[in-house]
Amino acid sequence: MNDTSIRFHLDENVAHAVAKGLLQHGVDVTTTSEMHMLGHVDEDQLAHATAEGRVLFTQDRDLLRIAQHFIDHAGIIYCDKNARTVGEIVKRLLAIAKNMPADDMVGMVKFI
């Protein structure tokens, strides 16, 4: 992975409105449903995002446990379900994408 803009992958626990908000701001984002991965285990979700060089945004607490054993991922951003509005999530993800190179996210877990 080279030092470029962050690209996101949103797992199935994230509202589609988050992806829509990011896309409206020109952010490169994919979702579990559009990648035909609905129902895949969390390890597969993280492996897919990593293989694509995408930071995984999730609201699934299980991924935090998995991340402890899978340290070579492209980055994980986590937010508790219902802790923030869609607008707040989009705003925080945009700030991260704007201010942090993708290389800096490798192996990192950020909480928003």
PDB file of N, CA and C in Angstrom:
ATOM      1  N   MET A   1       0.861  -1.179   0.000  1.00  0.00           N
ATOM      2  CA  MET A   1       0.000   0.000   0.000  1.00  0.00           C
ATOM      3  C   MET A   1       0.901   1.234   0.000  1.00  0.00           C
ATOM      4  N   ASN A   2       0.636   2.166  -0.885  1.00  0.00           N
ATOM      5  CA  ASN A   2       1.444   3.380  -0.881  1.00  0.00           C
ATOM      6  C   ASN A   2       0.715   4.503  -0.180  1.00  0.00           C
ATOM      7  N   ASP A   3       1.403   5.608  -0.031  1.00  0.00           N
ATOM      8  CA  ASP A   3       0.904   6.729   0.764  1.00  0.00           C
ATOM      9  C   ASP A   3      -0.134   7.528  -0.031  1.00  0.00           C
ATOM     10  N   THR A   4      -1.366   7.034  -0.041  1.00  0.00           N
ATOM     11  CA  THR A   4      -2.434   7.671  -0.806  1.00  0.00           C
ATOM     12  C   THR A   4      -3.627   7.950   0.097  1.00  0.00           C
ATOM     13  N   SER A   5      -4.678   8.441  -0.505  1.00  0.00           N
ATOM     14  CA  SER A   5      -5.908   8.717   0.240  1.00  0.00           C
ATOM     15  C   SER A   5      -6.530   7.429   0.766  1.00  0.00           C
ATOM     16  N   ILE A   6      -7.173   7.561   1.891  1.00  0.00           N
ATOM     17  CA  ILE A   6      -7.868   6.424   2.482  1.00  0.00           C
ATOM     18  C   ILE A   6      -9.069   6.058   1.623  1.00  0.00           C
ATOM     19  N   ARG A   7      -9.216   4.771   1.395  1.00  0.00           N
ATOM     20  CA  ARG A   7     -10.401   4.206   0.756  1.00  0.00           C
ATOM     21  C   ARG A   7     -11.078   3.346   1.813  1.00  0.00           C
ATOM     22  N   PHE A   8     -12.391   3.406   1.881  1.00  0.00           N
ATOM     23  CA  PHE A   8     -13.129   2.705   2.925  1.00  0.00           C
ATOM     24  C   PHE A   8     -13.880   1.492   2.391  1.00  0.00           C
ATOM     25  N   HIS A   9     -14.081   0.537   3.292  1.00  0.00           N
ATOM     26  CA  HIS A   9     -15.040  -0.545   3.084  1.00  0.00           C
ATOM     27  C   HIS A   9     -15.935  -0.556   4.309  1.00  0.00           C
ATOM     28  N   LEU A  10     -17.246  -0.542   4.098  1.00  0.00           N
ATOM     29  CA  LEU A  10     -18.210  -0.538   5.196  1.00  0.00           C
ATOM     30  C   LEU A  10     -18.834  -1.917   5.304  1.00  0.00           C
ATOM     31  N   ASP A  11     -18.801  -2.488   6.507  1.00  0.00           N
ATOM     32  CA  ASP A  11     -19.386  -3.818   6.655  1.00  0.00           C
ATOM     33  C   ASP A  11     -20.905  -3.736   6.765  1.00  0.00           C
ATOM     34  N   GLU A  12     -21.533  -4.895   6.885  1.00  0.00           N
ATOM     35  CA  GLU A  12     -23.003  -4.945   6.820  1.00  0.00           C
ATOM     36  C   GLU A  12     -23.701  -4.349   8.029  1.00  0.00           C
ATOM     37  N   ASN A  13     -22.948  -4.008   9.083  1.00  0.00           N
ATOM     38  CA  ASN A  13     -23.547  -3.398  10.271  1.00  0.00           C
ATOM     39  C   ASN A  13     -23.690  -1.883  10.143  1.00  0.00           C
ATOM     40  N   VAL A  14     -23.207  -1.325   9.047  1.00  0.00           N
ATOM     41  CA  VAL A  14     -23.209   0.121   8.848  1.00  0.00           C
ATOM     42  C   VAL A  14     -24.353   0.501   7.909  1.00  0.00           C
ATOM     43  N   ALA A  15     -25.076   1.551   8.255  1.00  0.00           N
ATOM     44  CA  ALA A  15     -26.183   2.032   7.428  1.00  0.00           C
ATOM     45  C   ALA A  15     -25.678   2.456   6.052  1.00  0.00           C
ATOM     46  N   HIS A  16     -26.444   2.125   5.026  1.00  0.00           N
ATOM     47  CA  HIS A  16     -26.079   2.503   3.649  1.00  0.00           C
ATOM     48  C   HIS A  16     -25.969   4.016   3.489  1.00  0.00           C
ATOM     49  N   ALA A  17     -26.663   4.766   4.327  1.00  0.00           N
ATOM     50  CA  ALA A  17     -26.605   6.228   4.259  1.00  0.00           C
ATOM     51  C   ALA A  17     -25.191   6.741   4.523  1.00  0.00           C
ATOM     52  N   VAL A  18     -24.389   6.006   5.285  1.00  0.00           N
ATOM     53  CA  VAL A  18     -22.997   6.414   5.525  1.00  0.00           C
ATOM     54  C   VAL A  18     -22.222   6.343   4.214  1.00  0.00           C
ATOM     55  N   ALA A  19     -22.372   5.260   3.482  1.00  0.00           N
ATOM     56  CA  ALA A  19     -21.695   5.125   2.188  1.00  0.00           C
ATOM     57  C   ALA A  19     -22.147   6.227   1.241  1.00  0.00           C
ATOM     58  N   LYS A  20     -23.441   6.495   1.231  1.00  0.00           N
ATOM     59  CA  LYS A  20     -23.981   7.543   0.364  1.00  0.00           C
ATOM     60  C   LYS A  20     -23.366   8.903   0.690  1.00  0.00           C
ATOM     61  N   GLY A  21     -23.269   9.205   1.977  1.00  0.00           N
ATOM     62  CA  GLY A  21     -22.674  10.471   2.404  1.00  0.00           C
ATOM     63  C   GLY A  21     -21.218  10.592   1.992  1.00  0.00           C
ATOM     64  N   LEU A  22     -20.473   9.509   2.138  1.00  0.00           N
ATOM     65  CA  LEU A  22     -19.060   9.539   1.738  1.00  0.00           C
ATOM     66  C   LEU A  22     -18.924   9.697   0.231  1.00  0.00           C
ATOM     67  N   LEU A  23     -19.739   8.971  -0.519  1.00  0.00           N
ATOM     68  CA  LEU A  23     -19.696   9.069  -1.978  1.00  0.00           C
ATOM     69  C   LEU A  23     -20.011  10.478  -2.463  1.00  0.00           C
ATOM     70  N   GLN A  24     -20.934  11.145  -1.791  1.00  0.00           N
ATOM     71  CA  GLN A  24     -21.291  12.518  -2.165  1.00  0.00           C
ATOM     72  C   GLN A  24     -20.122  13.478  -1.987  1.00  0.00           C
ATOM     73  N   HIS A  25     -19.160  13.092  -1.161  1.00  0.00           N
ATOM     74  CA  HIS A  25     -17.967  13.914  -0.947  1.00  0.00           C
ATOM     75  C   HIS A  25     -16.764  13.378  -1.717  1.00  0.00           C
ATOM     76  N   GLY A  26     -17.006  12.464  -2.650  1.00  0.00           N
ATOM     77  CA  GLY A  26     -15.946  11.972  -3.520  1.00  0.00           C
ATOM     78  C   GLY A  26     -15.019  10.940  -2.904  1.00  0.00           C
ATOM     79  N   VAL A  27     -15.435  10.333  -1.794  1.00  0.00           N
ATOM     80  CA  VAL A  27     -14.604   9.321  -1.140  1.00  0.00           C
ATOM     81  C   VAL A  27     -14.837   7.973  -1.810  1.00  0.00           C
ATOM     82  N   ASP A  28     -13.771   7.225  -2.024  1.00  0.00           N
ATOM     83  CA  ASP A  28     -13.832   5.884  -2.588  1.00  0.00           C
ATOM     84  C   ASP A  28     -14.293   4.934  -1.484  1.00  0.00           C
ATOM     85  N   VAL A  29     -15.476   4.364  -1.643  1.00  0.00           N
ATOM     86  CA  VAL A  29     -16.053   3.505  -0.611  1.00  0.00           C
ATOM     87  C   VAL A  29     -16.795   2.331  -1.249  1.00  0.00           C
ATOM     88  N   THR A  30     -16.640   1.166  -0.641  1.00  0.00           N
ATOM     89  CA  THR A  30     -17.414  -0.010  -1.036  1.00  0.00           C
ATOM     90  C   THR A  30     -18.188  -0.497   0.183  1.00  0.00           C
ATOM     91  N   THR A  31     -19.216  -1.303  -0.077  1.00  0.00           N
ATOM     92  CA  THR A  31     -20.006  -1.865   1.019  1.00  0.00           C
ATOM     93  C   THR A  31     -20.045  -3.385   0.886  1.00  0.00           C
ATOM     94  N   THR A  32     -20.331  -4.018   1.992  1.00  0.00           N
ATOM     95  CA  THR A  32     -20.443  -5.473   2.005  1.00  0.00           C
ATOM     96  C   THR A  32     -21.504  -5.956   1.033  1.00  0.00           C
ATOM     97  N   SER A  33     -22.637  -5.267   0.976  1.00  0.00           N
ATOM     98  CA  SER A  33     -23.701  -5.719   0.073  1.00  0.00           C
ATOM     99  C   SER A  33     -23.287  -5.601  -1.392  1.00  0.00           C
ATOM    100  N   GLU A  34     -22.640  -4.510  -1.770  1.00  0.00           N
ATOM    101  CA  GLU A  34     -22.246  -4.380  -3.178  1.00  0.00           C
ATOM    102  C   GLU A  34     -21.112  -5.321  -3.560  1.00  0.00           C
ATOM    103  N   MET A  35     -20.364  -5.820  -2.585  1.00  0.00           N
ATOM    104  CA  MET A  35     -19.299  -6.791  -2.838  1.00  0.00           C
ATOM    105  C   MET A  35     -19.819  -8.228  -2.725  1.00  0.00           C
ATOM    106  N   HIS A  36     -21.143  -8.369  -2.552  1.00  0.00           N
ATOM    107  CA  HIS A  36     -21.795  -9.682  -2.439  1.00  0.00           C
ATOM    108  C   HIS A  36     -21.206 -10.512  -1.294  1.00  0.00           C
ATOM    109  N   MET A  37     -20.998  -9.843  -0.144  1.00  0.00           N
ATOM    110  CA  MET A  37     -20.413 -10.513   1.014  1.00  0.00           C
ATOM    111  C   MET A  37     -21.352 -10.550   2.217  1.00  0.00           C
ATOM    112  N   LEU A  38     -22.635 -10.263   2.007  1.00  0.00           N
ATOM    113  CA  LEU A  38     -23.583 -10.317   3.118  1.00  0.00           C
ATOM    114  C   LEU A  38     -23.557 -11.717   3.725  1.00  0.00           C
ATOM    115  N   GLY A  39     -23.476 -11.780   5.044  1.00  0.00           N
ATOM    116  CA  GLY A  39     -23.469 -13.054   5.739  1.00  0.00           C
ATOM    117  C   GLY A  39     -22.098 -13.686   5.884  1.00  0.00           C
ATOM    118  N   HIS A  40     -21.075 -13.107   5.250  1.00  0.00           N
ATOM    119  CA  HIS A  40     -19.726 -13.641   5.412  1.00  0.00           C
ATOM    120  C   HIS A  40     -19.233 -13.346   6.830  1.00  0.00           C
ATOM    121  N   VAL A  41     -18.375 -14.204   7.343  1.00  0.00           N
ATOM    122  CA  VAL A  41     -17.857 -14.017   8.698  1.00  0.00           C
ATOM    123  C   VAL A  41     -16.966 -12.777   8.752  1.00  0.00           C
ATOM    124  N   ASP A  42     -16.811 -12.248   9.953  1.00  0.00           N
ATOM    125  CA  ASP A  42     -16.033 -11.025  10.156  1.00  0.00           C
ATOM    126  C   ASP A  42     -14.600 -11.148   9.639  1.00  0.00           C
ATOM    127  N   GLU A  43     -13.984 -12.301   9.832  1.00  0.00           N
ATOM    128  CA  GLU A  43     -12.613 -12.499   9.343  1.00  0.00           C
ATOM    129  C   GLU A  43     -12.536 -12.311   7.832  1.00  0.00           C
ATOM    130  N   ASP A  44     -13.557 -12.790   7.110  1.00  0.00           N
ATOM    131  CA  ASP A  44     -13.594 -12.607   5.652  1.00  0.00           C
ATOM    132  C   ASP A  44     -13.761 -11.141   5.287  1.00  0.00           C
ATOM    133  N   GLN A  45     -14.585 -10.428   6.054  1.00  0.00           N
ATOM    134  CA  GLN A  45     -14.782  -8.998   5.797  1.00  0.00           C
ATOM    135  C   GLN A  45     -13.452  -8.249   5.935  1.00  0.00           C
ATOM    136  N   LEU A  46     -12.735  -8.538   7.022  1.00  0.00           N
ATOM    137  CA  LEU A  46     -11.465  -7.861   7.264  1.00  0.00           C
ATOM    138  C   LEU A  46     -10.419  -8.268   6.231  1.00  0.00           C
ATOM    139  N   ALA A  47     -10.393  -9.546   5.863  1.00  0.00           N
ATOM    140  CA  ALA A  47      -9.444 -10.012   4.845  1.00  0.00           C
ATOM    141  C   ALA A  47      -9.721  -9.344   3.499  1.00  0.00           C
ATOM    142  N   HIS A  48     -10.994  -9.197   3.149  1.00  0.00           N
ATOM    143  CA  HIS A  48     -11.359  -8.542   1.892  1.00  0.00           C
ATOM    144  C   HIS A  48     -10.908  -7.078   1.894  1.00  0.00           C
ATOM    145  N   ALA A  49     -11.235  -6.367   2.955  1.00  0.00           N
ATOM    146  CA  ALA A  49     -10.845  -4.955   3.045  1.00  0.00           C
ATOM    147  C   ALA A  49      -9.323  -4.827   2.964  1.00  0.00           C
ATOM    148  N   THR A  50      -8.620  -5.705   3.641  1.00  0.00           N
ATOM    149  CA  THR A  50      -7.149  -5.662   3.643  1.00  0.00           C
ATOM    150  C   THR A  50      -6.597  -5.930   2.246  1.00  0.00           C
ATOM    151  N   ALA A  51      -7.124  -6.942   1.583  1.00  0.00           N
ATOM    152  CA  ALA A  51      -6.655  -7.276   0.232  1.00  0.00           C
ATOM    153  C   ALA A  51      -6.885  -6.123  -0.741  1.00  0.00           C
ATOM    154  N   GLU A  52      -7.945  -5.352  -0.509  1.00  0.00           N
ATOM    155  CA  GLU A  52      -8.269  -4.213  -1.360  1.00  0.00           C
ATOM    156  C   GLU A  52      -7.582  -2.925  -0.909  1.00  0.00           C
ATOM    157  N   GLY A  53      -6.848  -2.991   0.207  1.00  0.00           N
ATOM    158  CA  GLY A  53      -6.182  -1.796   0.736  1.00  0.00           C
ATOM    159  C   GLY A  53      -7.168  -0.785   1.278  1.00  0.00           C
ATOM    160  N   ARG A  54      -8.282  -1.275   1.815  1.00  0.00           N
ATOM    161  CA  ARG A  54      -9.338  -0.393   2.310  1.00  0.00           C
ATOM    162  C   ARG A  54      -9.419  -0.435   3.829  1.00  0.00           C
ATOM    163  N   VAL A  55      -9.637   0.713   4.425  1.00  0.00           N
ATOM    164  CA  VAL A  55      -9.879   0.813   5.858  1.00  0.00           C
ATOM    165  C   VAL A  55     -11.308   0.343   6.096  1.00  0.00           C
ATOM    166  N   LEU A  56     -11.474  -0.582   7.020  1.00  0.00           N
ATOM    167  CA  LEU A  56     -12.787  -1.122   7.327  1.00  0.00           C
ATOM    168  C   LEU A  56     -13.465  -0.268   8.388  1.00  0.00           C
ATOM    169  N   PHE A  57     -14.636   0.259   8.058  1.00  0.00           N
ATOM    170  CA  PHE A  57     -15.450   0.940   9.063  1.00  0.00           C
ATOM    171  C   PHE A  57     -16.531  -0.018   9.493  1.00  0.00           C
ATOM    172  N   THR A  58     -16.662  -0.192  10.805  1.00  0.00           N
ATOM    173  CA  THR A  58     -17.625  -1.134  11.347  1.00  0.00           C
ATOM    174  C   THR A  58     -18.282  -0.600  12.602  1.00  0.00           C
ATOM    175  N   GLN A  59     -19.424  -1.175  12.899  1.00  0.00           N
ATOM    176  CA  GLN A  59     -20.097  -0.937  14.171  1.00  0.00           C
ATOM    177  C   GLN A  59     -20.323  -2.283  14.866  1.00  0.00           C
ATOM    178  N   ASP A  60     -19.487  -3.247  14.495  1.00  0.00           N
ATOM    179  CA  ASP A  60     -19.531  -4.609  15.024  1.00  0.00           C
ATOM    180  C   ASP A  60     -18.369  -4.796  16.003  1.00  0.00           C
ATOM    181  N   ARG A  61     -18.700  -4.858  17.283  1.00  0.00           N
ATOM    182  CA  ARG A  61     -17.682  -4.973  18.336  1.00  0.00           C
ATOM    183  C   ARG A  61     -16.805  -6.228  18.177  1.00  0.00           C
ATOM    184  N   ASP A  62     -17.326  -7.298  17.581  1.00  0.00           N
ATOM    185  CA  ASP A  62     -16.539  -8.527  17.391  1.00  0.00           C
ATOM    186  C   ASP A  62     -15.274  -8.268  16.572  1.00  0.00           C
ATOM    187  N   LEU A  63     -15.337  -7.314  15.668  1.00  0.00           N
ATOM    188  CA  LEU A  63     -14.159  -7.021  14.845  1.00  0.00           C
ATOM    189  C   LEU A  63     -13.003  -6.459  15.666  1.00  0.00           C
ATOM    190  N   LEU A  64     -13.297  -5.852  16.794  1.00  0.00           N
ATOM    191  CA  LEU A  64     -12.227  -5.352  17.660  1.00  0.00           C
ATOM    192  C   LEU A  64     -11.423  -6.519  18.233  1.00  0.00           C
ATOM    193  N   ARG A  65     -12.104  -7.584  18.598  1.00  0.00           N
ATOM    194  CA  ARG A  65     -11.430  -8.786  19.099  1.00  0.00           C
ATOM    195  C   ARG A  65     -10.592  -9.420  17.988  1.00  0.00           C
ATOM    196  N   ILE A  66     -11.159  -9.535  16.814  1.00  0.00           N
ATOM    197  CA  ILE A  66     -10.467 -10.139  15.674  1.00  0.00           C
ATOM    198  C   ILE A  66      -9.232  -9.326  15.306  1.00  0.00           C
ATOM    199  N   ALA A  67      -9.329  -8.016  15.388  1.00  0.00           N
ATOM    200  CA  ALA A  67      -8.215  -7.130  15.021  1.00  0.00           C
ATOM    201  C   ALA A  67      -6.983  -7.366  15.894  1.00  0.00           C
ATOM    202  N   GLN A  68      -7.183  -7.852  17.105  1.00  0.00           N
ATOM    203  CA  GLN A  68      -6.044  -8.130  17.989  1.00  0.00           C
ATOM    204  C   GLN A  68      -5.164  -9.246  17.440  1.00  0.00           C
ATOM    205  N   HIS A  69      -5.738 -10.125  16.615  1.00  0.00           N
ATOM    206  CA  HIS A  69      -5.006 -11.266  16.080  1.00  0.00           C
ATOM    207  C   HIS A  69      -4.661 -11.109  14.601  1.00  0.00           C
ATOM    208  N   PHE A  70      -5.185 -10.094  13.969  1.00  0.00           N
ATOM    209  CA  PHE A  70      -4.995  -9.857  12.545  1.00  0.00           C
ATOM    210  C   PHE A  70      -4.429  -8.449  12.404  1.00  0.00           C
ATOM    211  N   ILE A  71      -3.127  -8.315  12.697  1.00  0.00           N
ATOM    212  CA  ILE A  71      -2.542  -6.976  12.836  1.00  0.00           C
ATOM    213  C   ILE A  71      -2.092  -6.352  11.518  1.00  0.00           C
ATOM    214  N   ASP A  72      -2.099  -7.113  10.439  1.00  0.00           N
ATOM    215  CA  ASP A  72      -1.624  -6.580   9.157  1.00  0.00           C
ATOM    216  C   ASP A  72      -2.745  -5.990   8.308  1.00  0.00           C
ATOM    217  N   HIS A  73      -3.843  -5.599   8.933  1.00  0.00           N
ATOM    218  CA  HIS A  73      -4.966  -5.038   8.183  1.00  0.00           C
ATOM    219  C   HIS A  73      -4.662  -3.605   7.748  1.00  0.00           C
ATOM    220  N   ALA A  74      -5.487  -3.093   6.837  1.00  0.00           N
ATOM    221  CA  ALA A  74      -5.300  -1.738   6.296  1.00  0.00           C
ATOM    222  C   ALA A  74      -5.832  -0.657   7.236  1.00  0.00           C
ATOM    223  N   GLY A  75      -6.415  -1.078   8.349  1.00  0.00           N
ATOM    224  CA  GLY A  75      -6.961  -0.150   9.332  1.00  0.00           C
ATOM    225  C   GLY A  75      -8.415  -0.451   9.606  1.00  0.00           C
ATOM    226  N   ILE A  76      -8.819  -0.183  10.839  1.00  0.00           N
ATOM    227  CA  ILE A  76     -10.209  -0.371  11.246  1.00  0.00           C
ATOM    228  C   ILE A  76     -10.651   0.885  11.979  1.00  0.00           C
ATOM    229  N   ILE A  77     -11.825   1.350  11.643  1.00  0.00           N
ATOM    230  CA  ILE A  77     -12.440   2.452  12.383  1.00  0.00           C
ATOM    231  C   ILE A  77     -13.739   1.910  12.951  1.00  0.00           C
ATOM    232  N   TYR A  78     -13.934   2.144  14.237  1.00  0.00           N
ATOM    233  CA  TYR A  78     -15.088   1.589  14.945  1.00  0.00           C
ATOM    234  C   TYR A  78     -15.908   2.695  15.604  1.00  0.00           C
ATOM    235  N   CYS A  79     -17.219   2.509  15.566  1.00  0.00           N
ATOM    236  CA  CYS A  79     -18.146   3.383  16.274  1.00  0.00           C
ATOM    237  C   CYS A  79     -19.245   2.514  16.858  1.00  0.00           C
ATOM    238  N   ASP A  80     -19.536   2.682  18.142  1.00  0.00           N
ATOM    239  CA  ASP A  80     -20.642   1.950  18.755  1.00  0.00           C
ATOM    240  C   ASP A  80     -21.935   2.225  17.997  1.00  0.00           C
ATOM    241  N   LYS A  81     -22.731   1.191  17.854  1.00  0.00           N
ATOM    242  CA  LYS A  81     -24.035   1.321  17.194  1.00  0.00           C
ATOM    243  C   LYS A  81     -24.876   2.345  17.957  1.00  0.00           C
ATOM    244  N   ASN A  82     -25.513   3.235  17.263  1.00  0.00           N
ATOM    245  CA  ASN A  82     -26.399   4.269  17.821  1.00  0.00           C
ATOM    246  C   ASN A  82     -25.691   5.316  18.676  1.00  0.00           C
ATOM    247  N   ALA A  83     -24.356   5.332  18.675  1.00  0.00           N
ATOM    248  CA  ALA A  83     -23.627   6.335  19.452  1.00  0.00           C
ATOM    249  C   ALA A  83     -23.563   7.673  18.721  1.00  0.00           C
ATOM    250  N   ARG A  84     -23.637   7.627  17.395  1.00  0.00           N
ATOM    251  CA  ARG A  84     -23.540   8.837  16.585  1.00  0.00           C
ATOM    252  C   ARG A  84     -24.563   8.779  15.459  1.00  0.00           C
ATOM    253  N   THR A  85     -24.960   9.931  14.986  1.00  0.00           N
ATOM    254  CA  THR A  85     -25.859   9.984  13.833  1.00  0.00           C
ATOM    255  C   THR A  85     -25.070   9.673  12.565  1.00  0.00           C
ATOM    256  N   VAL A  86     -25.788   9.373  11.505  1.00  0.00           N
ATOM    257  CA  VAL A  86     -25.140   9.134  10.210  1.00  0.00           C
ATOM    258  C   VAL A  86     -24.298  10.350   9.825  1.00  0.00           C
ATOM    259  N   GLY A  87     -24.849  11.532   9.997  1.00  0.00           N
ATOM    260  CA  GLY A  87     -24.116  12.757   9.653  1.00  0.00           C
ATOM    261  C   GLY A  87     -22.828  12.901  10.447  1.00  0.00           C
ATOM    262  N   GLU A  88     -22.875  12.580  11.736  1.00  0.00           N
ATOM    263  CA  GLU A  88     -21.664  12.662  12.569  1.00  0.00           C
ATOM    264  C   GLU A  88     -20.624  11.645  12.123  1.00  0.00           C
ATOM    265  N   ILE A  89     -21.074  10.443  11.786  1.00  0.00           N
ATOM    266  CA  ILE A  89     -20.141   9.404  11.316  1.00  0.00           C
ATOM    267  C   ILE A  89     -19.478   9.854  10.025  1.00  0.00           C
ATOM    268  N   VAL A  90     -20.282  10.317   9.083  1.00  0.00           N
ATOM    269  CA  VAL A  90     -19.730  10.771   7.793  1.00  0.00           C
ATOM    270  C   VAL A  90     -18.717  11.890   8.029  1.00  0.00           C
ATOM    271  N   LYS A  91     -19.070  12.849   8.856  1.00  0.00           N
ATOM    272  CA  LYS A  91     -18.181  13.983   9.148  1.00  0.00           C
ATOM    273  C   LYS A  91     -16.844  13.502   9.722  1.00  0.00           C
ATOM    274  N   ARG A  92     -16.886  12.561  10.644  1.00  0.00           N
ATOM    275  CA  ARG A  92     -15.653  12.053  11.265  1.00  0.00           C
ATOM    276  C   ARG A  92     -14.826  11.228  10.285  1.00  0.00           C
ATOM    277  N   LEU A  93     -15.492  10.415   9.466  1.00  0.00           N
ATOM    278  CA  LEU A  93     -14.760   9.638   8.466  1.00  0.00           C
ATOM    279  C   LEU A  93     -14.129  10.550   7.419  1.00  0.00           C
ATOM    280  N   LEU A  94     -14.840  11.592   7.027  1.00  0.00           N
ATOM    281  CA  LEU A  94     -14.270  12.557   6.078  1.00  0.00           C
ATOM    282  C   LEU A  94     -13.045  13.241   6.665  1.00  0.00           C
ATOM    283  N   ALA A  95     -13.100  13.594   7.928  1.00  0.00           N
ATOM    284  CA  ALA A  95     -11.961  14.242   8.578  1.00  0.00           C
ATOM    285  C   ALA A  95     -10.751  13.310   8.602  1.00  0.00           C
ATOM    286  N   ILE A  96     -10.989  12.044   8.892  1.00  0.00           N
ATOM    287  CA  ILE A  96      -9.886  11.077   8.897  1.00  0.00           C
ATOM    288  C   ILE A  96      -9.319  10.934   7.496  1.00  0.00           C
ATOM    289  N   ALA A  97     -10.198  10.771   6.503  1.00  0.00           N
ATOM    290  CA  ALA A  97      -9.746  10.610   5.117  1.00  0.00           C
ATOM    291  C   ALA A  97      -8.962  11.827   4.642  1.00  0.00           C
ATOM    292  N   LYS A  98      -9.358  13.001   5.088  1.00  0.00           N
ATOM    293  CA  LYS A  98      -8.705  14.242   4.660  1.00  0.00           C
ATOM    294  C   LYS A  98      -7.355  14.448   5.342  1.00  0.00           C
ATOM    295  N   ASN A  99      -7.254  14.035   6.595  1.00  0.00           N
ATOM    296  CA  ASN A  99      -6.080  14.382   7.401  1.00  0.00           C
ATOM    297  C   ASN A  99      -5.101  13.252   7.665  1.00  0.00           C
ATOM    298  N   MET A 100      -5.398  12.047   7.207  1.00  0.00           N
ATOM    299  CA  MET A 100      -4.519  10.924   7.501  1.00  0.00           C
ATOM    300  C   MET A 100      -4.218  10.139   6.228  1.00  0.00           C
ATOM    301  N   PRO A 101      -2.949   9.961   5.899  1.00  0.00           N
ATOM    302  CA  PRO A 101      -2.610   9.123   4.743  1.00  0.00           C
ATOM    303  C   PRO A 101      -2.965   7.661   5.030  1.00  0.00           C
ATOM    304  N   ALA A 102      -3.315   6.923   3.999  1.00  0.00           N
ATOM    305  CA  ALA A 102      -3.701   5.525   4.153  1.00  0.00           C
ATOM    306  C   ALA A 102      -2.620   4.714   4.868  1.00  0.00           C
ATOM    307  N   ASP A 103      -1.368   4.972   4.561  1.00  0.00           N
ATOM    308  CA  ASP A 103      -0.274   4.221   5.195  1.00  0.00           C
ATOM    309  C   ASP A 103      -0.275   4.366   6.712  1.00  0.00           C
ATOM    310  N   ASP A 104      -0.717   5.508   7.212  1.00  0.00           N
ATOM    311  CA  ASP A 104      -0.748   5.718   8.661  1.00  0.00           C
ATOM    312  C   ASP A 104      -1.827   4.887   9.351  1.00  0.00           C
ATOM    313  N   MET A 105      -2.787   4.395   8.609  1.00  0.00           N
ATOM    314  CA  MET A 105      -3.875   3.604   9.189  1.00  0.00           C
ATOM    315  C   MET A 105      -3.538   2.113   9.287  1.00  0.00           C
ATOM    316  N   VAL A 106      -2.498   1.666   8.595  1.00  0.00           N
ATOM    317  CA  VAL A 106      -2.163   0.244   8.572  1.00  0.00           C
ATOM    318  C   VAL A 106      -1.957  -0.283   9.991  1.00  0.00           C
ATOM    319  N   GLY A 107      -2.712  -1.337  10.319  1.00  0.00           N
ATOM    320  CA  GLY A 107      -2.614  -1.978  11.622  1.00  0.00           C
ATOM    321  C   GLY A 107      -3.260  -1.199  12.763  1.00  0.00           C
ATOM    322  N   MET A 108      -3.834  -0.038  12.487  1.00  0.00           N
ATOM    323  CA  MET A 108      -4.412   0.822  13.516  1.00  0.00           C
ATOM    324  C   MET A 108      -5.910   0.566  13.685  1.00  0.00           C
ATOM    325  N   VAL A 109      -6.367   0.692  14.907  1.00  0.00           N
ATOM    326  CA  VAL A 109      -7.791   0.693  15.203  1.00  0.00           C
ATOM    327  C   VAL A 109      -8.118   2.049  15.794  1.00  0.00           C
ATOM    328  N   LYS A 110      -9.019   2.780  15.143  1.00  0.00           N
ATOM    329  CA  LYS A 110      -9.450   4.098  15.622  1.00  0.00           C
ATOM    330  C   LYS A 110     -10.903   4.023  16.055  1.00  0.00           C
ATOM    331  N   PHE A 111     -11.211   4.722  17.114  1.00  0.00           N
ATOM    332  CA  PHE A 111     -12.577   4.804  17.622  1.00  0.00           C
ATOM    333  C   PHE A 111     -13.128   6.194  17.342  1.00  0.00           C
ATOM    334  N   ILE A 112     -14.344   6.239  16.822  1.00  0.00           N
ATOM    335  CA  ILE A 112     -14.972   7.548  16.603  1.00  0.00           C
ATOM    336  C   ILE A 112     -16.290   7.620  17.339  1.00  0.00           C
TER     337      ILE A 112
END
